Amino acid sequence: MLKTGIIGASGYTGVELARILSNHPEVELTVATSRKYAGQPLSEVFPNLRKRVDIVCENLSAAELISRADFFFTAVPHKTAMDIVPPLLEAGKKVVDLSADFRIRDVSVYEQWYQQHSSAELIKEAVYGLPELYRNEVKNAQLVANPGCYPTSITLGLAPLLREKLIDPATLIIDSKSGTSGAGRSASVGTLFCEVTDGFRAYKVGGSHRHIPEIEQELSALASESVTISFTPHLLPVSRGILSTMYAQTAKEVSDKELQKLYEDTYRDEPFVRVCPSGSFPATQYVRGSNCCDIGIKTDPRTGRVIVLSAIDNIAKGASGQAVQNMNLMNGFPETCGLMGAPFFP
């Protein structure tokens, strides 16, 4: 059994990690950290874990953590991760980091959007953990930078078109909607029930969302040219889920049938990417609680555009589920281990 630790277990990604790992046949959760809930059973903090996870939260330093597990998930905010990860790696541990600290390959870009990086030397070692694109690199990694939720839905949705140069990247417009769990568990007026329910609004308008450089980094790699996007996120009055709608001018004439075949061929052997049948499109309620990414595609002959829709659970494939998928690859487990439960509905 792989001894595994969750650093930062009291957030939504932490509880989702604990939930998934409780059903994983190759893993033993041996440590979970939380400053706020130190000394309390995780199942008291999150009652959904009763009789599933009996671990007690602890407030431990990186040095104290080293002897407690062989593999760590760092589910902590950016800046915090860059201080915790180095001693774990030095001790020979493997890490999947769920913060943004190691996702951006250009340190100057990271520092422009976040803050000064104190462990910049590790960025070259980190593998971007989108298995559908970087599976072989993930298998051999000691440090994996788990992708952000918006970048996951967008990159998987656009990858086939950009690789085949079927769209003009300069025309990309991306409109994404997320459930409120994407804002984290900390109290905030903007995510209070009365502020969110019965409403629907955009936020971080005008190219200011911190996921933009990560999205552009991955789309540029796929397109083999620099890609700049127009991206507007929105807040949905639901707890979890992301639906991304992507628009671009086609670079050459292409039919719905050709695009459907391209997507089905691209993702045929991917266990977690489900291409919707022609004429049907993804919805967040059909991926809830799963590691699935559902994708639909349609041309608009009147405007010469192609429209791609992609749905994920932002806490699962957009965070914790994908982190476990990466853990499986890094440790030689079947990639789907612990992750093949069907989405829950309704």
Protein backbone atom coordinates (compact mmCIF):
# COMPACT_ATOMS: atom_id res chain seq x y z
CA MET A 1 0.00 0.00 0.00
CA LEU A 2 1.23 3.48 -0.88
CA LYS A 3 1.34 5.70 2.21
CA THR A 4 -0.22 8.97 1.12
CA GLY A 5 -0.66 12.38 2.73
CA ILE A 6 -2.92 15.34 2.03
CA ILE A 7 -1.40 18.68 2.96
CA GLY A 8 -4.31 21.07 3.28
CA ALA A 9 -7.14 18.60 3.86
CA SER A 10 -9.81 21.04 5.05
CA GLY A 11 -10.72 22.61 1.70
CA TYR A 12 -12.98 21.28 -1.03
CA THR A 13 -10.09 19.71 -2.94
CA GLY A 14 -8.84 18.15 0.28
CA VAL A 15 -12.14 16.48 1.15
CA GLU A 16 -12.55 15.30 -2.45
CA LEU A 17 -9.07 13.76 -2.33
CA ALA A 18 -9.95 11.98 0.92
CA ARG A 19 -13.22 10.73 -0.56
CA ILE A 20 -11.54 9.32 -3.67
CA LEU A 21 -8.60 7.84 -1.79
CA SER A 22 -10.97 6.08 0.65
CA ASN A 23 -12.06 3.90 -2.28
CA HIS A 24 -8.58 3.39 -3.77
CA PRO A 25 -7.32 -0.20 -3.36
CA GLU A 26 -3.60 0.69 -3.54
CA VAL A 27 -3.49 3.63 -1.11
CA GLU A 28 -3.47 4.20 2.62
CA LEU A 29 -4.13 7.76 3.78
CA THR A 30 -1.67 8.16 6.66
CA VAL A 31 -1.64 11.90 7.31
CA ALA A 32 -3.89 14.90 6.67
CA THR A 33 -2.96 18.42 7.70
CA SER A 34 -5.06 21.40 8.72
CA ARG A 35 -4.14 24.36 10.89
CA LYS A 36 -7.74 25.29 11.64
CA TYR A 37 -8.98 21.79 12.48
CA ALA A 38 -5.86 20.27 14.08
CA GLY A 39 -6.88 17.59 16.57
CA GLN A 40 -10.29 17.00 14.99
CA PRO A 41 -11.19 13.90 12.96
CA LEU A 42 -11.56 14.77 9.29
CA SER A 43 -14.94 13.03 9.40
CA GLU A 44 -16.14 15.65 11.89
CA VAL A 45 -15.03 18.46 9.63
CA PHE A 46 -16.68 16.70 6.68
CA PRO A 47 -19.47 14.37 7.88
CA ASN A 48 -19.73 12.77 4.43
CA LEU A 49 -16.54 10.90 5.37
CA ARG A 50 -18.02 9.15 8.42
CA LYS A 51 -17.06 5.46 8.54
CA ARG A 52 -14.96 6.04 5.42
CA VAL A 53 -12.00 8.14 6.66
CA ASP A 54 -10.98 7.96 10.32
CA ILE A 55 -7.85 10.10 10.19
CA VAL A 56 -7.31 13.03 12.59
CA CYS A 57 -6.16 16.39 11.22
CA GLU A 58 -2.71 17.56 12.34
CA ASN A 59 -0.73 20.77 12.01
CA LEU A 60 2.72 19.58 10.96
CA SER A 61 5.80 21.11 9.42
CA ALA A 62 7.30 19.74 6.23
CA ALA A 63 10.08 18.13 8.26
CA GLU A 64 7.52 16.34 10.44
CA LEU A 65 5.58 15.15 7.42
CA ILE A 66 8.48 13.39 5.71
CA SER A 67 8.34 10.23 7.82
CA ARG A 68 4.55 9.96 7.61
CA ALA A 69 4.01 9.20 3.92
CA ASP A 70 5.76 8.41 0.65
CA PHE A 71 3.47 10.41 -1.63
CA PHE A 72 1.94 13.83 -0.97
CA PHE A 73 -0.82 15.97 -2.40
CA THR A 74 -0.32 19.65 -1.63
CA ALA A 75 -3.82 21.11 -1.63
CA VAL A 76 -2.76 24.52 -0.35
CA PRO A 77 -2.88 28.05 -1.81
CA HIS A 78 -0.21 29.34 -4.17
CA LYS A 79 2.88 30.69 -2.40
CA THR A 80 2.33 28.17 0.42
CA ALA A 81 3.07 25.27 -1.92
CA MET A 82 6.41 26.63 -3.12
CA ASP A 83 7.64 26.60 0.49
CA ILE A 84 6.36 23.10 1.35
CA VAL A 85 7.26 21.16 -1.79
CA PRO A 86 11.10 21.54 -1.86
CA PRO A 87 11.86 19.66 1.40
CA LEU A 88 9.49 16.86 0.38
CA LEU A 89 11.31 16.41 -2.93
CA GLU A 90 14.70 16.58 -1.23
CA ALA A 91 13.57 13.69 0.99
CA GLY A 92 12.77 11.62 -2.10
CA LYS A 93 8.99 11.95 -1.89
CA LYS A 94 6.72 12.30 -4.92
CA VAL A 95 4.29 15.21 -5.01
CA VAL A 96 1.22 16.32 -6.92
CA ASP A 97 0.76 20.03 -6.28
CA LEU A 98 -2.76 21.36 -6.76
CA SER A 99 -1.77 25.04 -6.49
CA ALA A 100 -0.62 27.24 -9.38
CA ASP A 101 2.97 27.45 -8.17
CA PHE A 102 4.54 25.03 -10.66
CA ARG A 103 2.15 25.19 -13.63
CA ILE A 104 3.62 28.20 -15.44
CA ARG A 105 6.89 27.33 -17.19
CA ASP A 106 8.04 30.95 -17.54
CA VAL A 107 8.92 32.28 -14.09
CA SER A 108 8.52 35.90 -15.17
CA VAL A 109 4.97 35.18 -16.37
CA TYR A 110 4.14 33.49 -13.07
CA GLU A 111 5.48 36.46 -11.13
CA GLN A 112 3.51 38.88 -13.29
CA TRP A 113 0.21 37.14 -12.46
CA TYR A 114 0.91 35.88 -8.92
CA GLN A 115 3.94 36.87 -6.81
CA GLN A 116 7.68 36.31 -6.54
CA HIS A 117 8.63 32.64 -6.81
CA SER A 118 10.94 31.32 -4.09
CA SER A 119 11.45 27.86 -5.66
CA ALA A 120 11.79 28.77 -9.32
CA GLU A 121 14.46 26.11 -9.89
CA LEU A 122 11.76 23.41 -9.49
CA ILE A 123 9.63 24.71 -12.34
CA LYS A 124 11.91 23.02 -14.89
CA GLU A 125 11.47 19.71 -13.05
CA ALA A 126 7.70 19.92 -12.74
CA VAL A 127 5.53 18.12 -15.30
CA TYR A 128 2.22 19.68 -16.25
CA GLY A 129 -0.26 17.06 -15.13
CA LEU A 130 -2.78 16.79 -17.95
CA PRO A 131 -2.42 13.05 -18.65
CA GLU A 132 -4.19 13.16 -21.99
CA LEU A 133 -1.34 15.34 -23.28
CA TYR A 134 1.64 14.48 -21.06
CA ARG A 135 1.04 10.91 -19.93
CA ASN A 136 4.59 9.62 -20.51
CA GLU A 137 6.17 12.62 -18.80
CA VAL A 138 3.86 12.22 -15.79
CA LYS A 139 4.86 8.56 -15.40
CA ASN A 140 8.49 9.54 -14.83
CA ALA A 141 7.90 12.69 -12.73
CA GLN A 142 8.70 13.35 -9.11
CA LEU A 143 6.72 16.62 -9.10
CA VAL A 144 3.51 17.09 -11.05
CA ALA A 145 1.76 20.43 -11.34
CA ASN A 146 -1.93 19.58 -11.38
CA PRO A 147 -3.73 21.77 -13.94
CA GLY A 148 -6.32 24.37 -13.05
CA CYS A 149 -9.99 23.61 -13.56
CA TYR A 150 -10.70 26.09 -16.37
CA PRO A 151 -7.48 25.15 -18.24
CA THR A 152 -8.41 21.45 -18.06
CA SER A 153 -11.82 21.92 -19.65
CA ILE A 154 -10.51 24.33 -22.28
CA THR A 155 -7.32 22.51 -23.27
CA LEU A 156 -9.05 19.15 -23.70
CA GLY A 157 -11.81 20.82 -25.68
CA LEU A 158 -9.49 22.60 -28.14
CA ALA A 159 -6.56 20.18 -28.44
CA PRO A 160 -7.71 18.30 -31.59
CA LEU A 161 -8.52 21.50 -33.49
CA LEU A 162 -5.24 23.21 -32.65
CA ARG A 163 -3.09 20.17 -33.40
CA GLU A 164 -4.68 19.80 -36.83
CA LYS A 165 -4.61 23.57 -37.45
CA LEU A 166 -8.33 23.60 -38.23
CA ILE A 167 -8.97 26.94 -36.51
CA ASP A 168 -7.40 30.38 -36.47
CA PRO A 169 -6.05 30.72 -32.89
CA ALA A 170 -6.20 34.51 -33.10
CA THR A 171 -10.00 34.33 -33.18
CA LEU A 172 -10.45 32.26 -30.01
CA ILE A 173 -13.15 33.45 -27.63
CA ILE A 174 -13.76 31.36 -24.52
CA ASP A 175 -16.74 31.65 -22.20
CA SER A 176 -16.65 29.45 -19.06
CA LYS A 177 -19.09 28.98 -16.20
CA SER A 178 -18.17 27.48 -12.84
CA GLY A 179 -19.91 26.35 -9.69
CA THR A 180 -19.19 28.24 -6.47
CA SER A 181 -16.88 25.55 -5.04
CA GLY A 182 -14.26 26.87 -7.45
CA ALA A 183 -13.87 29.88 -5.14
CA GLY A 184 -12.80 27.65 -2.25
CA ARG A 185 -14.25 27.05 1.20
CA SER A 186 -13.21 30.27 2.93
CA ALA A 187 -16.07 32.60 3.79
CA SER A 188 -16.64 35.31 1.20
CA VAL A 189 -19.56 37.68 0.64
CA GLY A 190 -19.43 37.00 -3.08
CA THR A 191 -20.19 33.30 -2.60
CA LEU A 192 -22.83 33.54 0.11
CA PHE A 193 -26.09 31.75 -0.72
CA CYS A 194 -28.07 34.97 -1.04
CA GLU A 195 -25.40 36.51 -3.26
CA VAL A 196 -25.31 33.57 -5.67
CA THR A 197 -28.67 31.82 -5.81
CA ASP A 198 -31.19 32.99 -8.44
CA GLY A 199 -28.39 34.87 -10.20
CA PHE A 200 -25.73 34.48 -12.85
CA ARG A 201 -22.80 36.83 -13.34
CA ALA A 202 -19.41 37.25 -14.95
CA TYR A 203 -16.28 37.99 -12.94
CA LYS A 204 -12.64 38.85 -13.67
CA VAL A 205 -13.80 40.45 -16.93
CA GLY A 206 -11.29 41.92 -19.37
CA GLY A 207 -8.50 39.37 -19.33
CA SER A 208 -7.72 39.46 -15.61
CA HIS A 209 -8.30 35.86 -14.49
CA ARG A 210 -5.13 34.14 -13.28
CA HIS A 211 -5.79 31.00 -15.32
CA ILE A 212 -5.25 32.93 -18.57
CA PRO A 213 -1.44 32.48 -18.77
CA GLU A 214 -1.82 28.76 -18.04
CA ILE A 215 -4.45 28.38 -20.74
CA GLU A 216 -2.39 30.35 -23.26
CA GLN A 217 0.73 28.33 -22.40
CA GLU A 218 -0.96 25.01 -23.20
CA LEU A 219 -2.87 26.23 -26.26
CA SER A 220 0.33 27.75 -27.66
CA ALA A 221 2.13 24.42 -27.26
CA LEU A 222 -0.66 22.65 -29.13
CA ALA A 223 -0.80 25.24 -31.90
CA SER A 224 3.01 25.57 -32.22
CA GLU A 225 2.55 29.34 -32.17
CA SER A 226 1.78 32.03 -29.64
CA VAL A 227 -1.93 32.07 -28.72
CA THR A 228 -3.73 34.95 -27.03
CA ILE A 229 -7.32 34.39 -25.94
CA SER A 230 -10.36 36.38 -24.90
CA PHE A 231 -11.58 34.63 -21.76
CA THR A 232 -14.53 35.48 -19.52
CA PRO A 233 -15.44 33.30 -16.53
CA HIS A 234 -18.90 33.28 -14.95
CA LEU A 235 -20.26 32.13 -11.60
CA LEU A 236 -23.14 29.66 -11.68
CA PRO A 237 -25.56 29.24 -8.76
CA VAL A 238 -24.55 25.58 -8.34
CA SER A 239 -22.01 23.91 -6.06
CA ARG A 240 -19.81 22.15 -8.62
CA GLY A 241 -19.21 21.87 -12.35
CA ILE A 242 -17.67 23.80 -15.24
CA LEU A 243 -19.09 24.31 -18.72
CA SER A 244 -16.73 25.95 -21.20
CA THR A 245 -17.93 27.19 -24.58
CA MET A 246 -15.20 27.97 -27.12
CA TYR A 247 -15.58 29.81 -30.43
CA ALA A 248 -13.10 30.19 -33.30
CA GLN A 249 -13.03 30.88 -37.02
CA THR A 250 -12.26 27.79 -39.05
CA ALA A 251 -8.99 27.85 -40.98
CA LYS A 252 -10.46 25.73 -43.75
CA GLU A 253 -13.80 24.25 -44.68
CA VAL A 254 -14.66 21.32 -42.44
CA SER A 255 -17.90 19.43 -41.83
CA ASP A 256 -19.55 18.33 -38.61
CA LYS A 257 -18.98 14.73 -39.64
CA GLU A 258 -15.24 15.29 -40.10
CA LEU A 259 -14.95 17.06 -36.75
CA GLN A 260 -16.91 14.36 -34.97
CA LYS A 261 -14.57 11.70 -36.38
CA LEU A 262 -11.50 13.75 -35.41
CA TYR A 263 -12.64 14.03 -31.79
CA GLU A 264 -13.73 10.42 -31.54
CA ASP A 265 -10.41 9.24 -32.99
CA THR A 266 -8.40 11.56 -30.73
CA TYR A 267 -10.07 10.47 -27.51
CA ARG A 268 -11.10 6.90 -28.36
CA ASP A 269 -8.62 5.35 -25.91
CA GLU A 270 -8.89 8.01 -23.21
CA PRO A 271 -10.79 6.57 -20.24
CA PHE A 272 -12.01 9.91 -18.92
CA VAL A 273 -12.82 11.90 -22.07
CA ARG A 274 -16.27 11.22 -23.50
CA VAL A 275 -17.14 12.69 -26.89
CA CYS A 276 -20.88 13.33 -27.11
CA PRO A 277 -22.78 11.83 -30.03
CA SER A 278 -23.21 14.13 -33.01
CA GLY A 279 -25.91 16.69 -32.33
CA SER A 280 -25.81 16.36 -28.53
CA PHE A 281 -23.80 18.45 -26.10
CA PRO A 282 -22.34 18.19 -22.59
CA ALA A 283 -23.96 19.38 -19.38
CA THR A 284 -22.48 19.72 -15.91
CA GLN A 285 -25.10 17.46 -14.27
CA TYR A 286 -23.80 14.48 -16.27
CA VAL A 287 -20.22 14.68 -14.96
CA ARG A 288 -20.86 15.49 -11.27
CA GLY A 289 -18.64 13.60 -8.88
CA SER A 290 -16.65 11.99 -11.70
CA ASN A 291 -13.28 12.32 -13.40
CA CYS A 292 -15.00 12.63 -16.78
CA CYS A 293 -14.66 15.40 -19.34
CA ASP A 294 -17.56 15.47 -21.82
CA ILE A 295 -17.01 17.26 -25.14
CA GLY A 296 -19.37 18.27 -27.93
CA ILE A 297 -18.60 20.07 -31.20
CA LYS A 298 -20.61 21.87 -33.89
CA THR A 299 -19.89 24.05 -36.89
CA ASP A 300 -21.75 27.28 -37.61
CA PRO A 301 -21.66 27.57 -41.43
CA ARG A 302 -23.39 30.96 -41.34
CA THR A 303 -20.49 32.59 -39.47
CA GLY A 304 -17.67 30.23 -40.47
CA ARG A 305 -17.03 29.37 -36.84
CA VAL A 306 -16.68 26.15 -34.90
CA ILE A 307 -18.13 25.82 -31.42
CA VAL A 308 -16.71 23.41 -28.82
CA LEU A 309 -18.40 22.70 -25.49
CA SER A 310 -16.65 20.96 -22.62
CA ALA A 311 -18.00 19.95 -19.20
CA ILE A 312 -16.11 18.75 -16.13
CA ASP A 313 -16.60 18.59 -12.38
CA ASN A 314 -14.27 21.36 -11.24
CA ILE A 315 -13.37 19.55 -8.00
CA ALA A 316 -12.85 16.14 -9.66
CA LYS A 317 -11.34 16.24 -13.17
CA GLY A 318 -10.63 19.90 -12.49
CA ALA A 319 -8.66 19.17 -9.32
CA SER A 320 -8.68 16.11 -7.03
CA GLY A 321 -9.74 13.41 -9.49
CA GLN A 322 -7.07 14.47 -11.93
CA ALA A 323 -4.55 14.57 -9.07
CA VAL A 324 -5.30 10.93 -8.28
CA GLN A 325 -5.09 10.10 -12.00
CA ASN A 326 -1.59 11.59 -11.95
CA MET A 327 -0.71 9.72 -8.75
CA ASN A 328 -1.71 6.46 -10.41
CA LEU A 329 0.58 7.13 -13.37
CA MET A 330 3.49 8.20 -11.16
CA ASN A 331 3.32 5.00 -9.12
CA GLY A 332 2.64 2.41 -11.82
CA PHE A 333 -0.99 1.80 -10.83
CA PRO A 334 -3.69 1.41 -13.48
CA GLU A 335 -4.51 4.96 -14.54
CA THR A 336 -8.20 4.47 -13.78
CA CYS A 337 -7.68 2.97 -10.31
CA GLY A 338 -10.17 4.42 -7.83
CA LEU A 339 -11.67 6.73 -10.44
CA MET A 340 -14.14 4.70 -12.50
CA GLY A 341 -17.28 5.45 -10.53
CA ALA A 342 -20.07 6.77 -12.75
CA PRO A 343 -21.13 10.40 -12.30
CA PHE A 344 -23.94 10.85 -9.79
CA PHE A 345 -27.28 12.07 -11.10
CA PRO A 346 -29.45 13.94 -10.43
